């Protein structure tokens, strides 16, 4: 999605500012949630090697190899159960 210049955006200015604020707030919430997950659990790679993350196709958007399942992890321990 392309960004419009503020002068071209047909929405009222307060709506545009609120949209930007809420978008930033949502992104912060996602970062916080991911931080909690990575802090609380211990992971190990599962059936994953370097070819699963190496870029294989240089198209408009670089892509992984076709048969890759992506990065998979297995939860080894939970910080709460270790106490």
C-alpha atoms as a PDB file:
ATOM      1  CA  UNK A   1       0.000   0.000   0.000  1.00  0.00           C
ATOM      2  CA  UNK A   2       1.448   3.352  -0.942  1.00  0.00           C
ATOM      3  CA  UNK A   3       1.443   6.254   1.459  1.00  0.00           C
ATOM      4  CA  UNK A   4      -0.311   9.427   0.382  1.00  0.00           C
ATOM      5  CA  UNK A   5       1.137  12.820   1.118  1.00  0.00           C
ATOM      6  CA  UNK A   6      -0.727  14.360   4.085  1.00  0.00           C
ATOM      7  CA  UNK A   7      -2.210  17.015   1.811  1.00  0.00           C
ATOM      8  CA  UNK A   8      -3.645  14.323  -0.529  1.00  0.00           C
ATOM      9  CA  UNK A   9      -5.249  12.167   2.162  1.00  0.00           C
ATOM     10  CA  UNK A  10      -9.042  12.665   1.882  1.00  0.00           C
ATOM     11  CA  UNK A  11      -9.662  11.872   5.567  1.00  0.00           C
ATOM     12  CA  UNK A  12      -9.893  14.619   8.202  1.00  0.00           C
ATOM     13  CA  UNK A  13      -6.576  15.466   9.897  1.00  0.00           C
ATOM     14  CA  UNK A  14      -7.613  14.192  13.378  1.00  0.00           C
ATOM     15  CA  UNK A  15      -8.494  10.800  11.876  1.00  0.00           C
ATOM     16  CA  UNK A  16      -5.106  10.574  10.159  1.00  0.00           C
ATOM     17  CA  UNK A  17      -3.275  11.441  13.394  1.00  0.00           C
ATOM     18  CA  UNK A  18      -5.338   8.928  15.375  1.00  0.00           C
ATOM     19  CA  UNK A  19      -4.667   6.234  12.769  1.00  0.00           C
ATOM     20  CA  UNK A  20      -0.911   6.824  13.020  1.00  0.00           C
ATOM     21  CA  UNK A  21      -1.054   6.777  16.812  1.00  0.00           C
ATOM     22  CA  UNK A  22      -3.050   3.540  16.947  1.00  0.00           C
ATOM     23  CA  UNK A  23      -0.793   1.900  14.373  1.00  0.00           C
ATOM     24  CA  UNK A  24       2.240   2.764  16.478  1.00  0.00           C
ATOM     25  CA  UNK A  25       0.489   1.500  19.615  1.00  0.00           C
ATOM     26  CA  UNK A  26      -0.405  -1.800  17.923  1.00  0.00           C
ATOM     27  CA  UNK A  27       3.185  -2.287  16.754  1.00  0.00           C
ATOM     28  CA  UNK A  28       4.444  -1.619  20.298  1.00  0.00           C
ATOM     29  CA  UNK A  29       2.004  -4.199  21.646  1.00  0.00           C
ATOM     30  CA  UNK A  30       3.270  -6.811  19.198  1.00  0.00           C
ATOM     31  CA  UNK A  31       6.880  -6.098  20.178  1.00  0.00           C
ATOM     32  CA  UNK A  32       5.997  -6.419  23.854  1.00  0.00           C
ATOM     33  CA  UNK A  33       4.167  -9.716  23.285  1.00  0.00           C
ATOM     34  CA  UNK A  34       7.095 -11.169  21.330  1.00  0.00           C
ATOM     35  CA  UNK A  35       9.513 -10.039  24.056  1.00  0.00           C
ATOM     36  CA  UNK A  36       7.435 -11.856  26.688  1.00  0.00           C
ATOM     37  CA  UNK A  37       7.342 -15.055  24.600  1.00  0.00           C
ATOM     38  CA  UNK A  38      11.099 -15.068  23.976  1.00  0.00           C
ATOM     39  CA  UNK A  39      11.829 -14.186  27.613  1.00  0.00           C
ATOM     40  CA  UNK A  40       9.553 -16.828  29.109  1.00  0.00           C
ATOM     41  CA  UNK A  41      10.301 -19.856  26.915  1.00  0.00           C
ATOM     42  CA  UNK A  42      13.463 -21.596  25.753  1.00  0.00           C
ATOM     43  CA  UNK A  43      13.412 -22.688  22.112  1.00  0.00           C
ATOM     44  CA  UNK A  44      15.467 -24.934  19.875  1.00  0.00           C
ATOM     45  CA  UNK A  45      15.360 -25.206  16.092  1.00  0.00           C
ATOM     46  CA  UNK A  46      13.290 -28.128  14.843  1.00  0.00           C
ATOM     47  CA  UNK A  47      13.932 -29.634  11.398  1.00  0.00           C
ATOM     48  CA  UNK A  48      15.417 -26.326  10.260  1.00  0.00           C
ATOM     49  CA  UNK A  49      18.720 -25.651   8.551  1.00  0.00           C
ATOM     50  CA  UNK A  50      20.372 -22.679   6.882  1.00  0.00           C
ATOM     51  CA  UNK A  51      18.701 -23.446   3.530  1.00  0.00           C
ATOM     52  CA  UNK A  52      15.311 -22.698   5.137  1.00  0.00           C
ATOM     53  CA  UNK A  53      16.270 -19.057   5.644  1.00  0.00           C
ATOM     54  CA  UNK A  54      18.672 -18.450   2.745  1.00  0.00           C
ATOM     55  CA  UNK A  55      17.085 -16.495  -0.099  1.00  0.00           C
ATOM     56  CA  UNK A  56      16.724 -18.758  -3.128  1.00  0.00           C
ATOM     57  CA  UNK A  57      14.839 -16.643  -5.665  1.00  0.00           C
ATOM     58  CA  UNK A  58      15.698 -13.050  -6.481  1.00  0.00           C
ATOM     59  CA  UNK A  59      12.381 -11.810  -7.791  1.00  0.00           C
ATOM     60  CA  UNK A  60      10.714  -8.488  -7.001  1.00  0.00           C
ATOM     61  CA  UNK A  61      10.495  -9.664  -3.392  1.00  0.00           C
ATOM     62  CA  UNK A  62      13.238 -12.192  -2.480  1.00  0.00           C
ATOM     63  CA  UNK A  63      11.759 -15.586  -1.622  1.00  0.00           C
ATOM     64  CA  UNK A  64      12.792 -18.760   0.154  1.00  0.00           C
ATOM     65  CA  UNK A  65      13.121 -22.119  -1.560  1.00  0.00           C
ATOM     66  CA  UNK A  66       9.785 -23.560  -2.667  1.00  0.00           C
ATOM     67  CA  UNK A  67       9.771 -26.631  -0.391  1.00  0.00           C
ATOM     68  CA  UNK A  68      10.829 -24.751   2.759  1.00  0.00           C
ATOM     69  CA  UNK A  69       8.503 -24.932   5.753  1.00  0.00           C
ATOM     70  CA  UNK A  70      10.185 -21.842   7.202  1.00  0.00           C
ATOM     71  CA  UNK A  71      11.813 -21.688  10.604  1.00  0.00           C
ATOM     72  CA  UNK A  72      10.256 -24.130  13.051  1.00  0.00           C
ATOM     73  CA  UNK A  73      11.074 -24.207  16.757  1.00  0.00           C
ATOM     74  CA  UNK A  74      10.256 -26.502  19.625  1.00  0.00           C
ATOM     75  CA  UNK A  75       9.656 -25.222  23.159  1.00  0.00           C
ATOM     76  CA  UNK A  76      12.208 -26.811  25.496  1.00  0.00           C
ATOM     77  CA  UNK A  77      11.298 -25.237  28.809  1.00  0.00           C
ATOM     78  CA  UNK A  78       8.973 -22.733  30.373  1.00  0.00           C
ATOM     79  CA  UNK A  79      10.380 -20.180  32.819  1.00  0.00           C
ATOM     80  CA  UNK A  80       7.290 -20.542  35.022  1.00  0.00           C
ATOM     81  CA  UNK A  81       7.621 -24.336  35.331  1.00  0.00           C
ATOM     82  CA  UNK A  82      11.308 -24.025  36.297  1.00  0.00           C
ATOM     83  CA  UNK A  83      10.448 -22.143  39.518  1.00  0.00           C
END
